C-alpha cells in the first residue's frame, strides 16, 4: 500500500523513538502531540515542517506508533477533524518489524 502512494502513513511516535528504533519506510513522523495542529496547518507550513504534501480530508491516512495505543488517539483526532478515510495500524512498529524480519529470513 505504501509503495502505491495511495495512503499517507503517519508515525506518531516521538522523534527520538524513530531515531533509536527506526521507522516503516515511507512513513512521515508527526509526534502524537502535534497531530491535531499538523492536520489543521496550511499546506505550505505543513510541507515546510514535515517535507510532505499536507493530506486532504479525503486522503487515506494510516497512523502507526509502537503498539497501537497512540495511533488510536491520533485516529480519533483525525476523525474529529473530518478526515473520513483515516485508520490506524493496530500492530504498529512491533508487528511490522516481526513481519519485516521474517520475510528477510525467508529470502523474500
PDB file of N, CA and C in Angstrom:
ATOM      1  N   UNK A   1       0.815  -1.199   0.000  1.00  0.00           N
ATOM      2  CA  UNK A   1       0.000   0.000   0.000  1.00  0.00           C
ATOM      3  C   UNK A   1       0.860   1.266   0.000  1.00  0.00           C
ATOM      4  N   UNK A   2       1.963   1.209   0.763  1.00  0.00           N
ATOM      5  CA  UNK A   2       2.815   2.396   0.844  1.00  0.00           C
ATOM      6  C   UNK A   2       3.431   2.744  -0.502  1.00  0.00           C
ATOM      7  N   UNK A   3       3.901   1.749  -1.201  1.00  0.00           N
ATOM      8  CA  UNK A   3       4.564   2.000  -2.484  1.00  0.00           C
ATOM      9  C   UNK A   3       3.631   2.620  -3.501  1.00  0.00           C
ATOM     10  N   UNK A   4       2.341   2.354  -3.384  1.00  0.00           N
ATOM     11  CA  UNK A   4       1.376   2.882  -4.344  1.00  0.00           C
ATOM     12  C   UNK A   4       1.115   4.370  -4.122  1.00  0.00           C
ATOM     13  N   UNK A   5       1.536   4.897  -2.991  1.00  0.00           N
ATOM     14  CA  UNK A   5       1.309   6.304  -2.624  1.00  0.00           C
ATOM     15  C   UNK A   5      -0.177   6.621  -2.482  1.00  0.00           C
ATOM     16  N   UNK A   6      -0.985   5.576  -2.294  1.00  0.00           N
ATOM     17  CA  UNK A   6      -2.417   5.793  -2.134  1.00  0.00           C
ATOM     18  C   UNK A   6      -2.765   6.128  -0.680  1.00  0.00           C
ATOM     19  N   UNK A   7      -1.831   5.920   0.214  1.00  0.00           N
ATOM     20  CA  UNK A   7      -2.058   6.271   1.614  1.00  0.00           C
ATOM     21  C   UNK A   7      -0.902   7.124   2.110  1.00  0.00           C
ATOM     22  N   UNK A   8      -1.158   7.838   3.181  1.00  0.00           N
ATOM     23  CA  UNK A   8      -0.082   8.524   3.889  1.00  0.00           C
ATOM     24  C   UNK A   8       0.022   7.830   5.245  1.00  0.00           C
ATOM     25  N   UNK A   9       1.178   7.247   5.510  1.00  0.00           N
ATOM     26  CA  UNK A   9       1.411   6.593   6.793  1.00  0.00           C
ATOM     27  C   UNK A   9       2.079   7.596   7.724  1.00  0.00           C
ATOM     28  N   UNK A  10       1.416   7.898   8.816  1.00  0.00           N
ATOM     29  CA  UNK A  10       1.925   8.871   9.775  1.00  0.00           C
ATOM     30  C   UNK A  10       2.320   8.136  11.050  1.00  0.00           C
ATOM     31  N   UNK A  11       3.600   8.185  11.363  1.00  0.00           N
ATOM     32  CA  UNK A  11       4.133   7.565  12.572  1.00  0.00           C
ATOM     33  C   UNK A  11       4.057   8.602  13.681  1.00  0.00           C
ATOM     34  N   UNK A  12       3.277   8.317  14.726  1.00  0.00           N
ATOM     35  CA  UNK A  12       3.044   9.308  15.782  1.00  0.00           C
ATOM     36  C   UNK A  12       3.945   9.115  17.002  1.00  0.00           C
ATOM     37  N   UNK A  13       4.980   8.282  16.848  1.00  0.00           N
ATOM     38  CA  UNK A  13       5.938   8.147  17.949  1.00  0.00           C
ATOM     39  C   UNK A  13       6.780   9.416  18.064  1.00  0.00           C
ATOM     40  N   UNK A  14       7.455   9.557  19.195  1.00  0.00           N
ATOM     41  CA  UNK A  14       8.352  10.696  19.382  1.00  0.00           C
ATOM     42  C   UNK A  14       9.554  10.545  18.444  1.00  0.00           C
ATOM     43  N   UNK A  15      10.135  11.654  18.054  1.00  0.00           N
ATOM     44  CA  UNK A  15      11.259  11.646  17.111  1.00  0.00           C
ATOM     45  C   UNK A  15      12.413  10.786  17.621  1.00  0.00           C
ATOM     46  N   UNK A  16      12.703  10.853  18.922  1.00  0.00           N
ATOM     47  CA  UNK A  16      13.819  10.055  19.455  1.00  0.00           C
ATOM     48  C   UNK A  16      13.566   8.563  19.292  1.00  0.00           C
ATOM     49  N   UNK A  17      12.301   8.126  19.363  1.00  0.00           N
ATOM     50  CA  UNK A  17      11.993   6.697  19.195  1.00  0.00           C
ATOM     51  C   UNK A  17      12.324   6.238  17.786  1.00  0.00           C
ATOM     52  N   UNK A  18      12.021   7.094  16.817  1.00  0.00           N
ATOM     53  CA  UNK A  18      12.294   6.749  15.423  1.00  0.00           C
ATOM     54  C   UNK A  18      13.797   6.714  15.175  1.00  0.00           C
ATOM     55  N   UNK A  19      14.515   7.677  15.742  1.00  0.00           N
ATOM     56  CA  UNK A  19      15.969   7.690  15.595  1.00  0.00           C
ATOM     57  C   UNK A  19      16.597   6.456  16.230  1.00  0.00           C
ATOM     58  N   UNK A  20      16.038   6.023  17.357  1.00  0.00           N
ATOM     59  CA  UNK A  20      16.609   4.880  18.063  1.00  0.00           C
ATOM     60  C   UNK A  20      16.205   3.541  17.469  1.00  0.00           C
ATOM     61  N   UNK A  21      14.931   3.402  17.068  1.00  0.00           N
ATOM     62  CA  UNK A  21      14.431   2.095  16.636  1.00  0.00           C
ATOM     63  C   UNK A  21      14.197   1.971  15.140  1.00  0.00           C
ATOM     64  N   UNK A  22      14.063   3.090  14.444  1.00  0.00           N
ATOM     65  CA  UNK A  22      13.780   3.040  13.010  1.00  0.00           C
ATOM     66  C   UNK A  22      12.304   3.297  12.746  1.00  0.00           C
ATOM     67  N   UNK A  23      11.955   3.306  11.448  1.00  0.00           N
ATOM     68  CA  UNK A  23      10.567   3.556  11.086  1.00  0.00           C
ATOM     69  C   UNK A  23      10.201   2.746   9.859  1.00  0.00           C
ATOM     70  N   UNK A  24       8.922   2.645   9.623  1.00  0.00           N
ATOM     71  CA  UNK A  24       8.443   1.961   8.429  1.00  0.00           C
ATOM     72  C   UNK A  24       8.789   2.864   7.235  1.00  0.00           C
ATOM     73  N   UNK A  25       9.493   2.330   6.245  1.00  0.00           N
ATOM     74  CA  UNK A  25       9.881   3.158   5.097  1.00  0.00           C
ATOM     75  C   UNK A  25       8.671   3.845   4.476  1.00  0.00           C
ATOM     76  N   UNK A  26       8.834   5.116   4.177  1.00  0.00           N
ATOM     77  CA  UNK A  26       7.756   5.870   3.559  1.00  0.00           C
ATOM     78  C   UNK A  26       6.839   6.577   4.540  1.00  0.00           C
ATOM     79  N   UNK A  27       7.022   6.300   5.828  1.00  0.00           N
ATOM     80  CA  UNK A  27       6.156   6.956   6.805  1.00  0.00           C
ATOM     81  C   UNK A  27       6.656   8.364   7.125  1.00  0.00           C
ATOM     82  N   UNK A  28       5.742   9.190   7.612  1.00  0.00           N
ATOM     83  CA  UNK A  28       6.037  10.568   7.996  1.00  0.00           C
ATOM     84  C   UNK A  28       5.916  10.646   9.511  1.00  0.00           C
ATOM     85  N   UNK A  29       6.915  11.213  10.166  1.00  0.00           N
ATOM     86  CA  UNK A  29       6.859  11.340  11.618  1.00  0.00           C
ATOM     87  C   UNK A  29       6.162  12.635  12.022  1.00  0.00           C
ATOM     88  N   UNK A  30       5.016  12.483  12.671  1.00  0.00           N
ATOM     89  CA  UNK A  30       4.316  13.605  13.292  1.00  0.00           C
ATOM     90  C   UNK A  30       3.973  13.131  14.704  1.00  0.00           C
ATOM     91  N   UNK A  31       4.772  13.536  15.706  1.00  0.00           N
ATOM     92  CA  UNK A  31       4.507  13.070  17.072  1.00  0.00           C
ATOM     93  C   UNK A  31       3.053  13.325  17.481  1.00  0.00           C
ATOM     94  N   UNK A  32       2.510  12.414  18.293  1.00  0.00           N
ATOM     95  CA  UNK A  32       1.106  12.457  18.674  1.00  0.00           C
ATOM     96  C   UNK A  32       0.650  13.837  19.143  1.00  0.00           C
ATOM     97  N   UNK A  33       1.460  14.507  19.950  1.00  0.00           N
ATOM     98  CA  UNK A  33       1.017  15.802  20.471  1.00  0.00           C
ATOM     99  C   UNK A  33       0.995  16.906  19.415  1.00  0.00           C
ATOM    100  N   UNK A  34       1.474  16.608  18.190  1.00  0.00           N
ATOM    101  CA  UNK A  34       1.430  17.580  17.089  1.00  0.00           C
ATOM    102  C   UNK A  34       0.361  17.256  16.050  1.00  0.00           C
ATOM    103  N   UNK A  35      -0.264  16.086  16.147  1.00  0.00           N
ATOM    104  CA  UNK A  35      -1.163  15.624  15.081  1.00  0.00           C
ATOM    105  C   UNK A  35      -2.318  16.588  14.827  1.00  0.00           C
ATOM    106  N   UNK A  36      -3.025  16.996  15.880  1.00  0.00           N
ATOM    107  CA  UNK A  36      -4.166  17.888  15.699  1.00  0.00           C
ATOM    108  C   UNK A  36      -3.772  19.188  15.034  1.00  0.00           C
ATOM    109  N   UNK A  37      -2.694  19.774  15.506  1.00  0.00           N
ATOM    110  CA  UNK A  37      -2.200  21.030  14.934  1.00  0.00           C
ATOM    111  C   UNK A  37      -1.730  20.819  13.491  1.00  0.00           C
ATOM    112  N   UNK A  38      -0.999  19.736  13.240  1.00  0.00           N
ATOM    113  CA  UNK A  38      -0.456  19.465  11.906  1.00  0.00           C
ATOM    114  C   UNK A  38      -1.573  19.330  10.873  1.00  0.00           C
ATOM    115  N   UNK A  39      -2.638  18.613  11.242  1.00  0.00           N
ATOM    116  CA  UNK A  39      -3.725  18.387  10.290  1.00  0.00           C
ATOM    117  C   UNK A  39      -4.543  19.645  10.017  1.00  0.00           C
ATOM    118  N   UNK A  40      -4.329  20.687  10.819  1.00  0.00           N
ATOM    119  CA  UNK A  40      -5.029  21.954  10.609  1.00  0.00           C
ATOM    120  C   UNK A  40      -4.115  23.042  10.041  1.00  0.00           C
ATOM    121  N   UNK A  41      -2.847  22.702   9.800  1.00  0.00           N
ATOM    122  CA  UNK A  41      -1.899  23.677   9.247  1.00  0.00           C
ATOM    123  C   UNK A  41      -2.273  24.043   7.817  1.00  0.00           C
ATOM    124  N   UNK A  42      -1.770  25.195   7.377  1.00  0.00           N
ATOM    125  CA  UNK A  42      -1.952  25.464   5.954  1.00  0.00           C
ATOM    126  C   UNK A  42      -0.931  24.593   5.199  1.00  0.00           C
ATOM    127  N   UNK A  43      -1.253  24.238   3.955  1.00  0.00           N
ATOM    128  CA  UNK A  43      -0.407  23.295   3.204  1.00  0.00           C
ATOM    129  C   UNK A  43       1.065  23.693   3.110  1.00  0.00           C
ATOM    130  N   UNK A  44       1.346  24.980   2.965  1.00  0.00           N
ATOM    131  CA  UNK A  44       2.743  25.406   2.832  1.00  0.00           C
ATOM    132  C   UNK A  44       3.520  25.138   4.116  1.00  0.00           C
ATOM    133  N   UNK A  45       2.935  25.484   5.264  1.00  0.00           N
ATOM    134  CA  UNK A  45       3.608  25.250   6.540  1.00  0.00           C
ATOM    135  C   UNK A  45       3.798  23.756   6.803  1.00  0.00           C
ATOM    136  N   UNK A  46       2.795  22.953   6.437  1.00  0.00           N
ATOM    137  CA  UNK A  46       2.887  21.507   6.625  1.00  0.00           C
ATOM    138  C   UNK A  46       4.056  20.948   5.824  1.00  0.00           C
ATOM    139  N   UNK A  47       4.127  21.350   4.557  1.00  0.00           N
ATOM    140  CA  UNK A  47       5.200  20.871   3.660  1.00  0.00           C
ATOM    141  C   UNK A  47       6.566  21.290   4.204  1.00  0.00           C
ATOM    142  N   UNK A  48       6.655  22.508   4.700  1.00  0.00           N
ATOM    143  CA  UNK A  48       7.914  23.012   5.236  1.00  0.00           C
ATOM    144  C   UNK A  48       8.349  22.220   6.470  1.00  0.00           C
ATOM    145  N   UNK A  49       7.406  21.912   7.344  1.00  0.00           N
ATOM    146  CA  UNK A  49       7.746  21.237   8.598  1.00  0.00           C
ATOM    147  C   UNK A  49       7.969  19.734   8.425  1.00  0.00           C
ATOM    148  N   UNK A  50       7.151  19.088   7.596  1.00  0.00           N
ATOM    149  CA  UNK A  50       7.190  17.622   7.504  1.00  0.00           C
ATOM    150  C   UNK A  50       7.718  17.099   6.164  1.00  0.00           C
ATOM    151  N   UNK A  51       8.065  17.980   5.249  1.00  0.00           N
ATOM    152  CA  UNK A  51       8.621  17.608   3.932  1.00  0.00           C
ATOM    153  C   UNK A  51       7.694  16.700   3.127  1.00  0.00           C
ATOM    154  N   UNK A  52       6.418  16.850   3.330  1.00  0.00           N
ATOM    155  CA  UNK A  52       5.410  16.090   2.590  1.00  0.00           C
ATOM    156  C   UNK A  52       4.247  17.012   2.299  1.00  0.00           C
ATOM    157  N   UNK A  53       3.484  16.678   1.254  1.00  0.00           N
ATOM    158  CA  UNK A  53       2.269  17.447   0.970  1.00  0.00           C
ATOM    159  C   UNK A  53       1.243  17.167   2.057  1.00  0.00           C
ATOM    160  N   UNK A  54       0.548  18.198   2.479  1.00  0.00           N
ATOM    161  CA  UNK A  54      -0.473  18.026   3.508  1.00  0.00           C
ATOM    162  C   UNK A  54      -1.619  17.193   2.947  1.00  0.00           C
ATOM    163  N   UNK A  55      -2.065  16.194   3.710  1.00  0.00           N
ATOM    164  CA  UNK A  55      -3.179  15.379   3.215  1.00  0.00           C
ATOM    165  C   UNK A  55      -4.484  16.174   3.228  1.00  0.00           C
ATOM    166  N   UNK A  56      -5.347  15.859   2.283  1.00  0.00           N
ATOM    167  CA  UNK A  56      -6.676  16.474   2.290  1.00  0.00           C
ATOM    168  C   UNK A  56      -7.597  15.585   3.123  1.00  0.00           C
ATOM    169  N   UNK A  57      -8.772  16.097   3.418  1.00  0.00           N
ATOM    170  CA  UNK A  57      -9.700  15.339   4.266  1.00  0.00           C
ATOM    171  C   UNK A  57     -10.217  14.080   3.583  1.00  0.00           C
ATOM    172  N   UNK A  58     -10.030  13.972   2.269  1.00  0.00           N
ATOM    173  CA  UNK A  58     -10.470  12.765   1.567  1.00  0.00           C
ATOM    174  C   UNK A  58      -9.327  11.766   1.361  1.00  0.00           C
ATOM    175  N   UNK A  59      -8.095  12.153   1.694  1.00  0.00           N
ATOM    176  CA  UNK A  59      -6.955  11.243   1.533  1.00  0.00           C
ATOM    177  C   UNK A  59      -7.023  10.112   2.555  1.00  0.00           C
ATOM    178  N   UNK A  60      -6.441   8.985   2.184  1.00  0.00           N
ATOM    179  CA  UNK A  60      -6.371   7.861   3.109  1.00  0.00           C
ATOM    180  C   UNK A  60      -5.163   8.032   4.012  1.00  0.00           C
ATOM    181  N   UNK A  61      -5.427   8.146   5.300  1.00  0.00           N
ATOM    182  CA  UNK A  61      -4.365   8.271   6.294  1.00  0.00           C
ATOM    183  C   UNK A  61      -4.325   7.002   7.122  1.00  0.00           C
ATOM    184  N   UNK A  62      -3.115   6.568   7.457  1.00  0.00           N
ATOM    185  CA  UNK A  62      -2.953   5.459   8.383  1.00  0.00           C
ATOM    186  C   UNK A  62      -1.962   5.918   9.439  1.00  0.00           C
ATOM    187  N   UNK A  63      -2.367   5.818  10.686  1.00  0.00           N
ATOM    188  CA  UNK A  63      -1.490   6.210  11.791  1.00  0.00           C
ATOM    189  C   UNK A  63      -0.859   4.961  12.388  1.00  0.00           C
ATOM    190  N   UNK A  64       0.419   5.088  12.747  1.00  0.00           N
ATOM    191  CA  UNK A  64       1.091   3.978  13.420  1.00  0.00           C
ATOM    192  C   UNK A  64       1.902   4.526  14.582  1.00  0.00           C
ATOM    193  N   UNK A  65       2.196   3.647  15.529  1.00  0.00           N
ATOM    194  CA  UNK A  65       3.056   4.012  16.655  1.00  0.00           C
ATOM    195  C   UNK A  65       3.811   2.743  17.033  1.00  0.00           C
ATOM    196  N   UNK A  66       4.093   2.554  18.303  1.00  0.00           N
ATOM    197  CA  UNK A  66       4.827   1.356  18.705  1.00  0.00           C
ATOM    198  C   UNK A  66       3.905   0.134  18.718  1.00  0.00           C
ATOM    199  N   UNK A  67       2.761   0.263  19.370  1.00  0.00           N
ATOM    200  CA  UNK A  67       1.883  -0.900  19.516  1.00  0.00           C
ATOM    201  C   UNK A  67       0.397  -0.599  19.394  1.00  0.00           C
ATOM    202  N   UNK A  68       0.039   0.567  18.877  1.00  0.00           N
ATOM    203  CA  UNK A  68      -1.364   0.823  18.589  1.00  0.00           C
ATOM    204  C   UNK A  68      -2.116   1.754  19.519  1.00  0.00           C
ATOM    205  N   UNK A  69      -1.534   2.126  20.663  1.00  0.00           N
ATOM    206  CA  UNK A  69      -2.253   2.983  21.608  1.00  0.00           C
ATOM    207  C   UNK A  69      -2.269   4.439  21.133  1.00  0.00           C
ATOM    208  N   UNK A  70      -1.104   4.979  20.841  1.00  0.00           N
ATOM    209  CA  UNK A  70      -1.032   6.374  20.383  1.00  0.00           C
ATOM    210  C   UNK A  70      -1.657   6.551  19.001  1.00  0.00           C
ATOM    211  N   UNK A  71      -1.510   5.554  18.131  1.00  0.00           N
ATOM    212  CA  UNK A  71      -2.098   5.693  16.794  1.00  0.00           C
ATOM    213  C   UNK A  71      -3.620   5.738  16.874  1.00  0.00           C
ATOM    214  N   UNK A  72      -4.211   5.050  17.829  1.00  0.00           N
ATOM    215  CA  UNK A  72      -5.670   5.103  18.010  1.00  0.00           C
ATOM    216  C   UNK A  72      -6.089   6.508  18.448  1.00  0.00           C
ATOM    217  N   UNK A  73      -5.309   7.146  19.318  1.00  0.00           N
ATOM    218  CA  UNK A  73      -5.610   8.524  19.735  1.00  0.00           C
ATOM    219  C   UNK A  73      -5.483   9.470  18.541  1.00  0.00           C
ATOM    220  N   UNK A  74      -4.452   9.273  17.725  1.00  0.00           N
ATOM    221  CA  UNK A  74      -4.270  10.111  16.534  1.00  0.00           C
ATOM    222  C   UNK A  74      -5.429   9.913  15.560  1.00  0.00           C
ATOM    223  N   UNK A  75      -5.882   8.668  15.413  1.00  0.00           N
ATOM    224  CA  UNK A  75      -7.024   8.370  14.551  1.00  0.00           C
ATOM    225  C   UNK A  75      -8.261   9.127  15.035  1.00  0.00           C
ATOM    226  N   UNK A  76      -8.519   9.087  16.338  1.00  0.00           N
ATOM    227  CA  UNK A  76      -9.676   9.793  16.894  1.00  0.00           C
ATOM    228  C   UNK A  76      -9.585  11.292  16.600  1.00  0.00           C
ATOM    229  N   UNK A  77      -8.377  11.846  16.726  1.00  0.00           N
ATOM    230  CA  UNK A  77      -8.160  13.269  16.436  1.00  0.00           C
ATOM    231  C   UNK A  77      -8.471  13.558  14.973  1.00  0.00           C
ATOM    232  N   UNK A  78      -7.931  12.745  14.072  1.00  0.00           N
ATOM    233  CA  UNK A  78      -8.141  12.957  12.633  1.00  0.00           C
ATOM    234  C   UNK A  78      -9.622  12.847  12.275  1.00  0.00           C
ATOM    235  N   UNK A  79     -10.289  11.854  12.816  1.00  0.00           N
ATOM    236  CA  UNK A  79     -11.716  11.681  12.526  1.00  0.00           C
ATOM    237  C   UNK A  79     -12.513  12.887  13.026  1.00  0.00           C
ATOM    238  N   UNK A  80     -12.146  13.388  14.195  1.00  0.00           N
ATOM    239  CA  UNK A  80     -12.858  14.545  14.753  1.00  0.00           C
ATOM    240  C   UNK A  80     -12.638  15.805  13.904  1.00  0.00           C
ATOM    241  N   UNK A  81     -11.535  15.830  13.153  1.00  0.00           N
ATOM    242  CA  UNK A  81     -11.233  16.976  12.281  1.00  0.00           C
ATOM    243  C   UNK A  81     -11.805  16.788  10.869  1.00  0.00           C
ATOM    244  N   UNK A  82     -12.519  15.683  10.654  1.00  0.00           N
ATOM    245  CA  UNK A  82     -13.172  15.471   9.367  1.00  0.00           C
ATOM    246  C   UNK A  82     -12.408  14.633   8.359  1.00  0.00           C
ATOM    247  N   UNK A  83     -11.330  13.981   8.788  1.00  0.00           N
ATOM    248  CA  UNK A  83     -10.583  13.086   7.889  1.00  0.00           C
ATOM    249  C   UNK A  83     -11.315  11.743   7.879  1.00  0.00           C
ATOM    250  N   UNK A  84     -12.125  11.542   6.844  1.00  0.00           N
ATOM    251  CA  UNK A  84     -13.046  10.400   6.816  1.00  0.00           C
ATOM    252  C   UNK A  84     -12.367   9.063   6.489  1.00  0.00           C
ATOM    253  N   UNK A  85     -11.238   9.105   5.794  1.00  0.00           N
ATOM    254  CA  UNK A  85     -10.588   7.857   5.371  1.00  0.00           C
ATOM    255  C   UNK A  85      -9.379   7.528   6.228  1.00  0.00           C
ATOM    256  N   UNK A  86      -9.441   7.896   7.499  1.00  0.00           N
ATOM    257  CA  UNK A  86      -8.315   7.618   8.407  1.00  0.00           C
ATOM    258  C   UNK A  86      -8.506   6.262   9.083  1.00  0.00           C
ATOM    259  N   UNK A  87      -7.373   5.604   9.328  1.00  0.00           N
ATOM    260  CA  UNK A  87      -7.348   4.311  10.022  1.00  0.00           C
ATOM    261  C   UNK A  87      -6.112   4.297  10.904  1.00  0.00           C
ATOM    262  N   UNK A  88      -5.981   3.246  11.713  1.00  0.00           N
ATOM    263  CA  UNK A  88      -4.703   3.099  12.410  1.00  0.00           C
ATOM    264  C   UNK A  88      -4.226   1.669  12.298  1.00  0.00           C
ATOM    265  N   UNK A  89      -2.910   1.517  12.317  1.00  0.00           N
ATOM    266  CA  UNK A  89      -2.263   0.212  12.219  1.00  0.00           C
ATOM    267  C   UNK A  89      -2.081  -0.277  13.648  1.00  0.00           C
ATOM    268  N   UNK A  90      -3.019  -1.109  14.086  1.00  0.00           N
ATOM    269  CA  UNK A  90      -3.064  -1.526  15.488  1.00  0.00           C
ATOM    270  C   UNK A  90      -1.788  -2.250  15.935  1.00  0.00           C
ATOM    271  N   UNK A  91      -1.160  -2.992  15.021  1.00  0.00           N
ATOM    272  CA  UNK A  91       0.047  -3.732  15.394  1.00  0.00           C
ATOM    273  C   UNK A  91       1.271  -2.848  15.542  1.00  0.00           C
ATOM    274  N   UNK A  92       1.265  -1.733  14.844  1.00  0.00           N
ATOM    275  CA  UNK A  92       2.340  -0.760  14.951  1.00  0.00           C
ATOM    276  C   UNK A  92       3.714  -1.291  14.570  1.00  0.00           C
ATOM    277  N   UNK A  93       4.713  -0.548  15.024  1.00  0.00           N
ATOM    278  CA  UNK A  93       6.106  -0.861  14.721  1.00  0.00           C
ATOM    279  C   UNK A  93       6.470  -2.272  15.161  1.00  0.00           C
ATOM    280  N   UNK A  94       5.993  -2.688  16.346  1.00  0.00           N
ATOM    281  CA  UNK A  94       6.346  -4.025  16.856  1.00  0.00           C
ATOM    282  C   UNK A  94       5.925  -5.113  15.878  1.00  0.00           C
ATOM    283  N   UNK A  95       4.702  -5.029  15.379  1.00  0.00           N
ATOM    284  CA  UNK A  95       4.213  -6.039  14.448  1.00  0.00           C
ATOM    285  C   UNK A  95       4.946  -5.940  13.113  1.00  0.00           C
ATOM    286  N   UNK A  96       5.128  -4.728  12.603  1.00  0.00           N
ATOM    287  CA  UNK A  96       5.780  -4.545  11.311  1.00  0.00           C
ATOM    288  C   UNK A  96       7.189  -5.122  11.324  1.00  0.00           C
ATOM    289  N   UNK A  97       7.922  -4.887  12.399  1.00  0.00           N
ATOM    290  CA  UNK A  97       9.297  -5.397  12.496  1.00  0.00           C
ATOM    291  C   UNK A  97       9.314  -6.921  12.432  1.00  0.00           C
ATOM    292  N   UNK A  98       8.372  -7.585  13.089  1.00  0.00           N
ATOM    293  CA  UNK A  98       8.373  -9.049  13.056  1.00  0.00           C
ATOM    294  C   UNK A  98       8.110  -9.553  11.644  1.00  0.00           C
ATOM    295  N   UNK A  99       7.193  -8.907  10.901  1.00  0.00           N
ATOM    296  CA  UNK A  99       6.943  -9.316   9.515  1.00  0.00           C
ATOM    297  C   UNK A  99       8.150  -9.028   8.636  1.00  0.00           C
ATOM    298  N   UNK A 100       8.738  -7.858   8.820  1.00  0.00           N
ATOM    299  CA  UNK A 100       9.869  -7.450   8.000  1.00  0.00           C
ATOM    300  C   UNK A 100      11.033  -8.423   8.164  1.00  0.00           C
ATOM    301  N   UNK A 101      11.342  -8.770   9.425  1.00  0.00           N
ATOM    302  CA  UNK A 101      12.471  -9.664   9.662  1.00  0.00           C
ATOM    303  C   UNK A 101      12.165 -11.094   9.233  1.00  0.00           C
ATOM    304  N   UNK A 102      10.932 -11.546   9.390  1.00  0.00           N
ATOM    305  CA  UNK A 102      10.612 -12.923   8.965  1.00  0.00           C
ATOM    306  C   UNK A 102      10.686 -13.045   7.447  1.00  0.00           C
ATOM    307  N   UNK A 103      10.305 -11.985   6.721  1.00  0.00           N
ATOM    308  CA  UNK A 103      10.411 -12.013   5.263  1.00  0.00           C
ATOM    309  C   UNK A 103      11.870 -12.051   4.822  1.00  0.00           C
ATOM    310  N   UNK A 104      12.717 -11.280   5.481  1.00  0.00           N
ATOM    311  CA  UNK A 104      14.141 -11.257   5.112  1.00  0.00           C
ATOM    312  C   UNK A 104      14.784 -12.612   5.368  1.00  0.00           C
ATOM    313  N   UNK A 105      14.414 -13.245   6.476  1.00  0.00           N
ATOM    314  CA  UNK A 105      14.987 -14.562   6.800  1.00  0.00           C
ATOM    315  C   UNK A 105      14.591 -15.607   5.771  1.00  0.00           C
ATOM    316  N   UNK A 106      13.372 -15.477   5.233  1.00  0.00           N
ATOM    317  CA  UNK A 106      12.894 -16.446   4.254  1.00  0.00           C
ATOM    318  C   UNK A 106      13.385 -16.128   2.852  1.00  0.00           C
ATOM    319  N   UNK A 107      14.113 -15.026   2.703  1.00  0.00           N
ATOM    320  CA  UNK A 107      14.664 -14.679   1.406  1.00  0.00           C
ATOM    321  C   UNK A 107      13.674 -14.028   0.470  1.00  0.00           C
ATOM    322  N   UNK A 108      12.579 -13.515   1.002  1.00  0.00           N
ATOM    323  CA  UNK A 108      11.574 -12.855   0.151  1.00  0.00           C
ATOM    324  C   UNK A 108      11.949 -11.418  -0.115  1.00  0.00           C
TER     325      UNK A 108
END
